[in-house]
Amino acid sequence: MSDVMWFVILGVLNIPLYLFLGKIFFNGWEGFGEAIMYWFKPDLWSWMSGEGFEDMMAEIKLAIFFAVCALVVYGEFQLVSGFID
């Protein structure tokens, strides 16, 4: 099986973990939606409306969340590929 297929399989199997991590990072869907909103909102608009710090923190949490999810899948891939090869 190709490496890409393993990444896809592990990515799909980890959906419950992503949901759990999202609840920890964002305290539910509302916080996640807010972080996505700030991600697409230009930073200048946030600073001009007095939400600059909230924007920055939400974007940092979102970036860390995505990095943790990616690292989990990569770590599992390394573990699985060690047993398969």
PDB file of N, CA and C in Angstrom:
ATOM      1  N   MET A   1       0.849  -1.174   0.000  1.00  0.00           N
ATOM      2  CA  MET A   1       0.000   0.000   0.000  1.00  0.00           C
ATOM      3  C   MET A   1       0.897   1.241   0.000  1.00  0.00           C
ATOM      4  N   SER A   2       0.494   2.262  -0.756  1.00  0.00           N
ATOM      5  CA  SER A   2       1.332   3.456  -0.880  1.00  0.00           C
ATOM      6  C   SER A   2       1.258   4.317   0.379  1.00  0.00           C
ATOM      7  N   ASP A   3       2.266   5.178   0.510  1.00  0.00           N
ATOM      8  CA  ASP A   3       2.335   6.068   1.674  1.00  0.00           C
ATOM      9  C   ASP A   3       1.142   7.016   1.722  1.00  0.00           C
ATOM     10  N   VAL A   4       0.738   7.508   0.559  1.00  0.00           N
ATOM     11  CA  VAL A   4      -0.392   8.439   0.516  1.00  0.00           C
ATOM     12  C   VAL A   4      -1.651   7.761   1.030  1.00  0.00           C
ATOM     13  N   MET A   5      -1.843   6.515   0.667  1.00  0.00           N
ATOM     14  CA  MET A   5      -3.030   5.788   1.118  1.00  0.00           C
ATOM     15  C   MET A   5      -3.014   5.627   2.637  1.00  0.00           C
ATOM     16  N   TRP A   6      -1.842   5.366   3.208  1.00  0.00           N
ATOM     17  CA  TRP A   6      -1.750   5.270   4.664  1.00  0.00           C
ATOM     18  C   TRP A   6      -2.115   6.588   5.332  1.00  0.00           C
ATOM     19  N   PHE A   7      -1.639   7.701   4.774  1.00  0.00           N
ATOM     20  CA  PHE A   7      -1.977   9.006   5.342  1.00  0.00           C
ATOM     21  C   PHE A   7      -3.485   9.262   5.278  1.00  0.00           C
ATOM     22  N   VAL A   8      -4.109   8.883   4.172  1.00  0.00           N
ATOM     23  CA  VAL A   8      -5.559   9.064   4.034  1.00  0.00           C
ATOM     24  C   VAL A   8      -6.298   8.211   5.051  1.00  0.00           C
ATOM     25  N   ILE A   9      -5.911   6.947   5.172  1.00  0.00           N
ATOM     26  CA  ILE A   9      -6.570   6.040   6.121  1.00  0.00           C
ATOM     27  C   ILE A   9      -6.405   6.553   7.548  1.00  0.00           C
ATOM     28  N   LEU A  10      -5.191   6.913   7.927  1.00  0.00           N
ATOM     29  CA  LEU A  10      -4.955   7.414   9.280  1.00  0.00           C
ATOM     30  C   LEU A  10      -5.682   8.732   9.522  1.00  0.00           C
ATOM     31  N   GLY A  11      -5.727   9.587   8.508  1.00  0.00           N
ATOM     32  CA  GLY A  11      -6.431  10.848   8.645  1.00  0.00           C
ATOM     33  C   GLY A  11      -7.915  10.652   8.908  1.00  0.00           C
ATOM     34  N   VAL A  12      -8.518   9.704   8.220  1.00  0.00           N
ATOM     35  CA  VAL A  12      -9.946   9.437   8.408  1.00  0.00           C
ATOM     36  C   VAL A  12     -10.191   8.744   9.749  1.00  0.00           C
ATOM     37  N   LEU A  13      -9.348   7.804  10.110  1.00  0.00           N
ATOM     38  CA  LEU A  13      -9.536   7.096  11.376  1.00  0.00           C
ATOM     39  C   LEU A  13      -9.372   7.993  12.594  1.00  0.00           C
ATOM     40  N   ASN A  14      -8.684   9.104  12.430  1.00  0.00           N
ATOM     41  CA  ASN A  14      -8.438  10.009  13.553  1.00  0.00           C
ATOM     42  C   ASN A  14      -9.502  11.090  13.722  1.00  0.00           C
ATOM     43  N   ILE A  15     -10.579  11.039  12.973  1.00  0.00           N
ATOM     44  CA  ILE A  15     -11.626  12.064  13.091  1.00  0.00           C
ATOM     45  C   ILE A  15     -12.138  12.195  14.526  1.00  0.00           C
ATOM     46  N   PRO A  16     -12.405  11.100  15.245  1.00  0.00           N
ATOM     47  CA  PRO A  16     -12.828  11.280  16.647  1.00  0.00           C
ATOM     48  C   PRO A  16     -11.771  12.001  17.498  1.00  0.00           C
ATOM     49  N   LEU A  17     -10.502  11.749  17.232  1.00  0.00           N
ATOM     50  CA  LEU A  17      -9.440  12.440  17.957  1.00  0.00           C
ATOM     51  C   LEU A  17      -9.435  13.922  17.632  1.00  0.00           C
ATOM     52  N   TYR A  18      -9.653  14.284  16.357  1.00  0.00           N
ATOM     53  CA  TYR A  18      -9.706  15.685  15.973  1.00  0.00           C
ATOM     54  C   TYR A  18     -10.853  16.393  16.693  1.00  0.00           C
ATOM     55  N   LEU A  19     -11.990  15.726  16.789  1.00  0.00           N
ATOM     56  CA  LEU A  19     -13.132  16.316  17.487  1.00  0.00           C
ATOM     57  C   LEU A  19     -12.825  16.527  18.964  1.00  0.00           C
ATOM     58  N   PHE A  20     -12.165  15.554  19.573  1.00  0.00           N
ATOM     59  CA  PHE A  20     -11.777  15.673  20.981  1.00  0.00           C
ATOM     60  C   PHE A  20     -10.783  16.813  21.178  1.00  0.00           C
ATOM     61  N   LEU A  21      -9.783  16.881  20.330  1.00  0.00           N
ATOM     62  CA  LEU A  21      -8.793  17.961  20.426  1.00  0.00           C
ATOM     63  C   LEU A  21      -9.434  19.327  20.181  1.00  0.00           C
ATOM     64  N   GLY A  22     -10.382  19.374  19.246  1.00  0.00           N
ATOM     65  CA  GLY A  22     -11.080  20.624  18.975  1.00  0.00           C
ATOM     66  C   GLY A  22     -11.857  21.110  20.180  1.00  0.00           C
ATOM     67  N   LYS A  23     -12.454  20.176  20.903  1.00  0.00           N
ATOM     68  CA  LYS A  23     -13.193  20.554  22.105  1.00  0.00           C
ATOM     69  C   LYS A  23     -12.243  21.112  23.168  1.00  0.00           C
ATOM     70  N   ILE A  24     -11.056  20.526  23.266  1.00  0.00           N
ATOM     71  CA  ILE A  24     -10.061  21.018  24.223  1.00  0.00           C
ATOM     72  C   ILE A  24      -9.543  22.399  23.814  1.00  0.00           C
ATOM     73  N   PHE A  25      -9.205  22.564  22.532  1.00  0.00           N
ATOM     74  CA  PHE A  25      -8.626  23.815  22.065  1.00  0.00           C
ATOM     75  C   PHE A  25      -9.627  24.967  22.045  1.00  0.00           C
ATOM     76  N   PHE A  26     -10.868  24.688  21.577  1.00  0.00           N
ATOM     77  CA  PHE A  26     -11.813  25.765  21.281  1.00  0.00           C
ATOM     78  C   PHE A  26     -13.054  25.775  22.162  1.00  0.00           C
ATOM     79  N   ASN A  27     -13.177  24.859  23.085  1.00  0.00           N
ATOM     80  CA  ASN A  27     -14.353  24.779  23.955  1.00  0.00           C
ATOM     81  C   ASN A  27     -15.644  24.624  23.160  1.00  0.00           C
ATOM     82  N   GLY A  28     -15.606  23.878  22.082  1.00  0.00           N
ATOM     83  CA  GLY A  28     -16.807  23.605  21.300  1.00  0.00           C
ATOM     84  C   GLY A  28     -16.763  24.204  19.913  1.00  0.00           C
ATOM     85  N   TRP A  29     -17.881  24.004  19.181  1.00  0.00           N
ATOM     86  CA  TRP A  29     -17.957  24.436  17.791  1.00  0.00           C
ATOM     87  C   TRP A  29     -17.974  25.952  17.653  1.00  0.00           C
ATOM     88  N   GLU A  30     -18.535  26.637  18.636  1.00  0.00           N
ATOM     89  CA  GLU A  30     -18.601  28.095  18.553  1.00  0.00           C
ATOM     90  C   GLU A  30     -17.203  28.706  18.523  1.00  0.00           C
ATOM     91  N   GLY A  31     -16.323  28.218  19.373  1.00  0.00           N
ATOM     92  CA  GLY A  31     -14.947  28.714  19.395  1.00  0.00           C
ATOM     93  C   GLY A  31     -14.194  28.383  18.128  1.00  0.00           C
ATOM     94  N   PHE A  32     -14.459  27.190  17.573  1.00  0.00           N
ATOM     95  CA  PHE A  32     -13.814  26.804  16.320  1.00  0.00           C
ATOM     96  C   PHE A  32     -14.302  27.691  15.176  1.00  0.00           C
ATOM     97  N   GLY A  33     -15.598  27.939  15.136  1.00  0.00           N
ATOM     98  CA  GLY A  33     -16.154  28.818  14.102  1.00  0.00           C
ATOM     99  C   GLY A  33     -15.606  30.228  14.203  1.00  0.00           C
ATOM    100  N   GLU A  34     -15.440  30.706  15.423  1.00  0.00           N
ATOM    101  CA  GLU A  34     -14.865  32.036  15.641  1.00  0.00           C
ATOM    102  C   GLU A  34     -13.424  32.089  15.136  1.00  0.00           C
ATOM    103  N   ALA A  35     -12.659  31.034  15.399  1.00  0.00           N
ATOM    104  CA  ALA A  35     -11.270  30.999  14.934  1.00  0.00           C
ATOM    105  C   ALA A  35     -11.209  30.986  13.411  1.00  0.00           C
ATOM    106  N   ILE A  36     -12.105  30.235  12.774  1.00  0.00           N
ATOM    107  CA  ILE A  36     -12.150  30.214  11.306  1.00  0.00           C
ATOM    108  C   ILE A  36     -12.530  31.601  10.780  1.00  0.00           C
ATOM    109  N   MET A  37     -13.502  32.254  11.436  1.00  0.00           N
ATOM    110  CA  MET A  37     -13.912  33.596  11.020  1.00  0.00           C
ATOM    111  C   MET A  37     -12.732  34.565  11.082  1.00  0.00           C
ATOM    112  N   TYR A  38     -11.978  34.516  12.192  1.00  0.00           N
ATOM    113  CA  TYR A  38     -10.824  35.403  12.320  1.00  0.00           C
ATOM    114  C   TYR A  38      -9.735  35.067  11.309  1.00  0.00           C
ATOM    115  N   TRP A  39      -9.641  33.808  10.927  1.00  0.00           N
ATOM    116  CA  TRP A  39      -8.626  33.398   9.963  1.00  0.00           C
ATOM    117  C   TRP A  39      -8.874  34.067   8.611  1.00  0.00           C
ATOM    118  N   PHE A  40     -10.154  34.173   8.229  1.00  0.00           N
ATOM    119  CA  PHE A  40     -10.487  34.770   6.937  1.00  0.00           C
ATOM    120  C   PHE A  40     -10.621  36.294   7.004  1.00  0.00           C
ATOM    121  N   LYS A  41     -10.835  36.826   8.190  1.00  0.00           N
ATOM    122  CA  LYS A  41     -10.997  38.276   8.360  1.00  0.00           C
ATOM    123  C   LYS A  41      -9.613  38.933   8.294  1.00  0.00           C
ATOM    124  N   PRO A  42      -9.466  39.978   7.489  1.00  0.00           N
ATOM    125  CA  PRO A  42      -8.167  40.662   7.433  1.00  0.00           C
ATOM    126  C   PRO A  42      -7.770  41.209   8.811  1.00  0.00           C
ATOM    127  N   ASP A  43      -6.508  41.045   9.151  1.00  0.00           N
ATOM    128  CA  ASP A  43      -6.023  41.467  10.466  1.00  0.00           C
ATOM    129  C   ASP A  43      -6.214  42.959  10.711  1.00  0.00           C
ATOM    130  N   LEU A  44      -6.053  43.748   9.680  1.00  0.00           N
ATOM    131  CA  LEU A  44      -6.218  45.194   9.833  1.00  0.00           C
ATOM    132  C   LEU A  44      -7.636  45.523  10.295  1.00  0.00           C
ATOM    133  N   TRP A  45      -8.633  44.849   9.752  1.00  0.00           N
ATOM    134  CA  TRP A  45     -10.021  45.086  10.175  1.00  0.00           C
ATOM    135  C   TRP A  45     -10.206  44.713  11.635  1.00  0.00           C
ATOM    136  N   SER A  46      -9.584  43.621  12.051  1.00  0.00           N
ATOM    137  CA  SER A  46      -9.703  43.210  13.446  1.00  0.00           C
ATOM    138  C   SER A  46      -9.089  44.248  14.369  1.00  0.00           C
ATOM    139  N   TRP A  47      -7.916  44.743  14.033  1.00  0.00           N
ATOM    140  CA  TRP A  47      -7.259  45.739  14.880  1.00  0.00           C
ATOM    141  C   TRP A  47      -8.041  47.043  14.899  1.00  0.00           C
ATOM    142  N   MET A  48      -8.626  47.414  13.769  1.00  0.00           N
ATOM    143  CA  MET A  48      -9.392  48.657  13.713  1.00  0.00           C
ATOM    144  C   MET A  48     -10.703  48.554  14.503  1.00  0.00           C
ATOM    145  N   SER A  49     -11.258  47.350  14.590  1.00  0.00           N
ATOM    146  CA  SER A  49     -12.513  47.175  15.333  1.00  0.00           C
ATOM    147  C   SER A  49     -12.265  46.794  16.791  1.00  0.00           C
ATOM    148  N   GLY A  50     -11.014  46.761  17.218  1.00  0.00           N
ATOM    149  CA  GLY A  50     -10.695  46.464  18.608  1.00  0.00           C
ATOM    150  C   GLY A  50     -10.653  44.985  18.941  1.00  0.00           C
ATOM    151  N   GLU A  51     -10.602  44.131  17.915  1.00  0.00           N
ATOM    152  CA  GLU A  51     -10.556  42.689  18.129  1.00  0.00           C
ATOM    153  C   GLU A  51      -9.221  42.083  17.727  1.00  0.00           C
ATOM    154  N   GLY A  52      -8.200  42.903  17.659  1.00  0.00           N
ATOM    155  CA  GLY A  52      -6.903  42.440  17.171  1.00  0.00           C
ATOM    156  C   GLY A  52      -6.297  41.338  18.018  1.00  0.00           C
ATOM    157  N   PHE A  53      -6.353  41.484  19.334  1.00  0.00           N
ATOM    158  CA  PHE A  53      -5.760  40.472  20.211  1.00  0.00           C
ATOM    159  C   PHE A  53      -6.545  39.160  20.127  1.00  0.00           C
ATOM    160  N   GLU A  54      -7.891  39.253  20.109  1.00  0.00           N
ATOM    161  CA  GLU A  54      -8.708  38.044  19.991  1.00  0.00           C
ATOM    162  C   GLU A  54      -8.440  37.341  18.668  1.00  0.00           C
ATOM    163  N   ASP A  55      -8.284  38.120  17.602  1.00  0.00           N
ATOM    164  CA  ASP A  55      -7.966  37.569  16.281  1.00  0.00           C
ATOM    165  C   ASP A  55      -6.643  36.822  16.329  1.00  0.00           C
ATOM    166  N   MET A  56      -5.636  37.460  16.901  1.00  0.00           N
ATOM    167  CA  MET A  56      -4.310  36.850  16.961  1.00  0.00           C
ATOM    168  C   MET A  56      -4.336  35.548  17.755  1.00  0.00           C
ATOM    169  N   MET A  57      -4.993  35.555  18.913  1.00  0.00           N
ATOM    170  CA  MET A  57      -5.043  34.348  19.743  1.00  0.00           C
ATOM    171  C   MET A  57      -5.830  33.227  19.067  1.00  0.00           C
ATOM    172  N   ALA A  58      -6.918  33.565  18.396  1.00  0.00           N
ATOM    173  CA  ALA A  58      -7.720  32.552  17.707  1.00  0.00           C
ATOM    174  C   ALA A  58      -6.923  31.933  16.558  1.00  0.00           C
ATOM    175  N   GLU A  59      -6.197  32.749  15.823  1.00  0.00           N
ATOM    176  CA  GLU A  59      -5.390  32.223  14.721  1.00  0.00           C
ATOM    177  C   GLU A  59      -4.235  31.364  15.227  1.00  0.00           C
ATOM    178  N   ILE A  60      -3.649  31.732  16.343  1.00  0.00           N
ATOM    179  CA  ILE A  60      -2.574  30.922  16.928  1.00  0.00           C
ATOM    180  C   ILE A  60      -3.119  29.570  17.382  1.00  0.00           C
ATOM    181  N   LYS A  61      -4.279  29.581  18.054  1.00  0.00           N
ATOM    182  CA  LYS A  61      -4.888  28.318  18.489  1.00  0.00           C
ATOM    183  C   LYS A  61      -5.218  27.430  17.296  1.00  0.00           C
ATOM    184  N   LEU A  62      -5.728  28.038  16.222  1.00  0.00           N
ATOM    185  CA  LEU A  62      -6.071  27.266  15.026  1.00  0.00           C
ATOM    186  C   LEU A  62      -4.825  26.653  14.396  1.00  0.00           C
ATOM    187  N   ALA A  63      -3.753  27.421  14.320  1.00  0.00           N
ATOM    188  CA  ALA A  63      -2.505  26.910  13.740  1.00  0.00           C
ATOM    189  C   ALA A  63      -1.935  25.776  14.594  1.00  0.00           C
ATOM    190  N   ILE A  64      -1.966  25.933  15.899  1.00  0.00           N
ATOM    191  CA  ILE A  64      -1.462  24.870  16.784  1.00  0.00           C
ATOM    192  C   ILE A  64      -2.337  23.628  16.667  1.00  0.00           C
ATOM    193  N   PHE A  65      -3.647  23.820  16.587  1.00  0.00           N
ATOM    194  CA  PHE A  65      -4.569  22.694  16.428  1.00  0.00           C
ATOM    195  C   PHE A  65      -4.252  21.909  15.155  1.00  0.00           C
ATOM    196  N   PHE A  66      -4.107  22.611  14.023  1.00  0.00           N
ATOM    197  CA  PHE A  66      -3.786  21.934  12.766  1.00  0.00           C
ATOM    198  C   PHE A  66      -2.432  21.240  12.840  1.00  0.00           C
ATOM    199  N   ALA A  67      -1.461  21.869  13.478  1.00  0.00           N
ATOM    200  CA  ALA A  67      -0.130  21.266  13.606  1.00  0.00           C
ATOM    201  C   ALA A  67      -0.179  20.001  14.459  1.00  0.00           C
ATOM    202  N   VAL A  68      -0.910  20.034  15.554  1.00  0.00           N
ATOM    203  CA  VAL A  68      -1.025  18.858  16.424  1.00  0.00           C
ATOM    204  C   VAL A  68      -1.708  17.713  15.669  1.00  0.00           C
ATOM    205  N   CYS A  69      -2.777  18.021  14.949  1.00  0.00           N
ATOM    206  CA  CYS A  69      -3.474  16.982  14.181  1.00  0.00           C
ATOM    207  C   CYS A  69      -2.555  16.368  13.125  1.00  0.00           C
ATOM    208  N   ALA A  70      -1.803  17.211  12.430  1.00  0.00           N
ATOM    209  CA  ALA A  70      -0.879  16.714  11.414  1.00  0.00           C
ATOM    210  C   ALA A  70       0.238  15.879  12.040  1.00  0.00           C
ATOM    211  N   LEU A  71       0.762  16.318  13.176  1.00  0.00           N
ATOM    212  CA  LEU A  71       1.831  15.572  13.843  1.00  0.00           C
ATOM    213  C   LEU A  71       1.342  14.220  14.358  1.00  0.00           C
ATOM    214  N   VAL A  72       0.110  14.156  14.803  1.00  0.00           N
ATOM    215  CA  VAL A  72      -0.454  12.881  15.249  1.00  0.00           C
ATOM    216  C   VAL A  72      -0.502  11.890  14.086  1.00  0.00           C
ATOM    217  N   VAL A  73      -1.011  12.348  12.948  1.00  0.00           N
ATOM    218  CA  VAL A  73      -1.093  11.468  11.782  1.00  0.00           C
ATOM    219  C   VAL A  73       0.305  11.061  11.326  1.00  0.00           C
ATOM    220  N   TYR A  74       1.239  11.997  11.299  1.00  0.00           N
ATOM    221  CA  TYR A  74       2.603  11.668  10.881  1.00  0.00           C
ATOM    222  C   TYR A  74       3.257  10.680  11.849  1.00  0.00           C
ATOM    223  N   GLY A  75       3.069  10.883  13.141  1.00  0.00           N
ATOM    224  CA  GLY A  75       3.625   9.949  14.127  1.00  0.00           C
ATOM    225  C   GLY A  75       3.039   8.559  13.987  1.00  0.00           C
ATOM    226  N   GLU A  76       1.728   8.485  13.776  1.00  0.00           N
ATOM    227  CA  GLU A  76       1.108   7.180  13.568  1.00  0.00           C
ATOM    228  C   GLU A  76       1.616   6.529  12.288  1.00  0.00           C
ATOM    229  N   PHE A  77       1.826   7.336  11.243  1.00  0.00           N
ATOM    230  CA  PHE A  77       2.363   6.797   9.999  1.00  0.00           C
ATOM    231  C   PHE A  77       3.754   6.210  10.221  1.00  0.00           C
ATOM    232  N   GLN A  78       4.585   6.914  10.967  1.00  0.00           N
ATOM    233  CA  GLN A  78       5.922   6.404  11.259  1.00  0.00           C
ATOM    234  C   GLN A  78       5.850   5.100  12.030  1.00  0.00           C
ATOM    235  N   LEU A  79       4.931   5.012  12.958  1.00  0.00           N
ATOM    236  CA  LEU A  79       4.741   3.797  13.743  1.00  0.00           C
ATOM    237  C   LEU A  79       4.269   2.634  12.862  1.00  0.00           C
ATOM    238  N   VAL A  80       3.282   2.897  12.046  1.00  0.00           N
ATOM    239  CA  VAL A  80       2.723   1.863  11.168  1.00  0.00           C
ATOM    240  C   VAL A  80       3.735   1.439  10.113  1.00  0.00           C
ATOM    241  N   SER A  81       4.442   2.390   9.524  1.00  0.00           N
ATOM    242  CA  SER A  81       5.407   2.032   8.484  1.00  0.00           C
ATOM    243  C   SER A  81       6.570   1.224   9.051  1.00  0.00           C
ATOM    244  N   GLY A  82       6.877   1.414  10.314  1.00  0.00           N
ATOM    245  CA  GLY A  82       7.924   0.605  10.955  1.00  0.00           C
ATOM    246  C   GLY A  82       7.508  -0.847  11.092  1.00  0.00           C
ATOM    247  N   PHE A  83       6.234  -1.098  11.325  1.00  0.00           N
ATOM    248  CA  PHE A  83       5.740  -2.460  11.435  1.00  0.00           C
ATOM    249  C   PHE A  83       5.501  -3.110  10.084  1.00  0.00           C
ATOM    250  N   ILE A  84       5.121  -2.315   9.097  1.00  0.00           N
ATOM    251  CA  ILE A  84       4.794  -2.859   7.770  1.00  0.00           C
ATOM    252  C   ILE A  84       6.064  -3.208   7.000  1.00  0.00           C
ATOM    253  N   ASP A  85       7.041  -2.321   7.014  1.00  0.00           N
ATOM    254  CA  ASP A  85       8.260  -2.564   6.230  1.00  0.00           C
ATOM    255  C   ASP A  85       9.055  -3.627   6.830  1.00  0.00           C
TER     256      ASP A  85
END
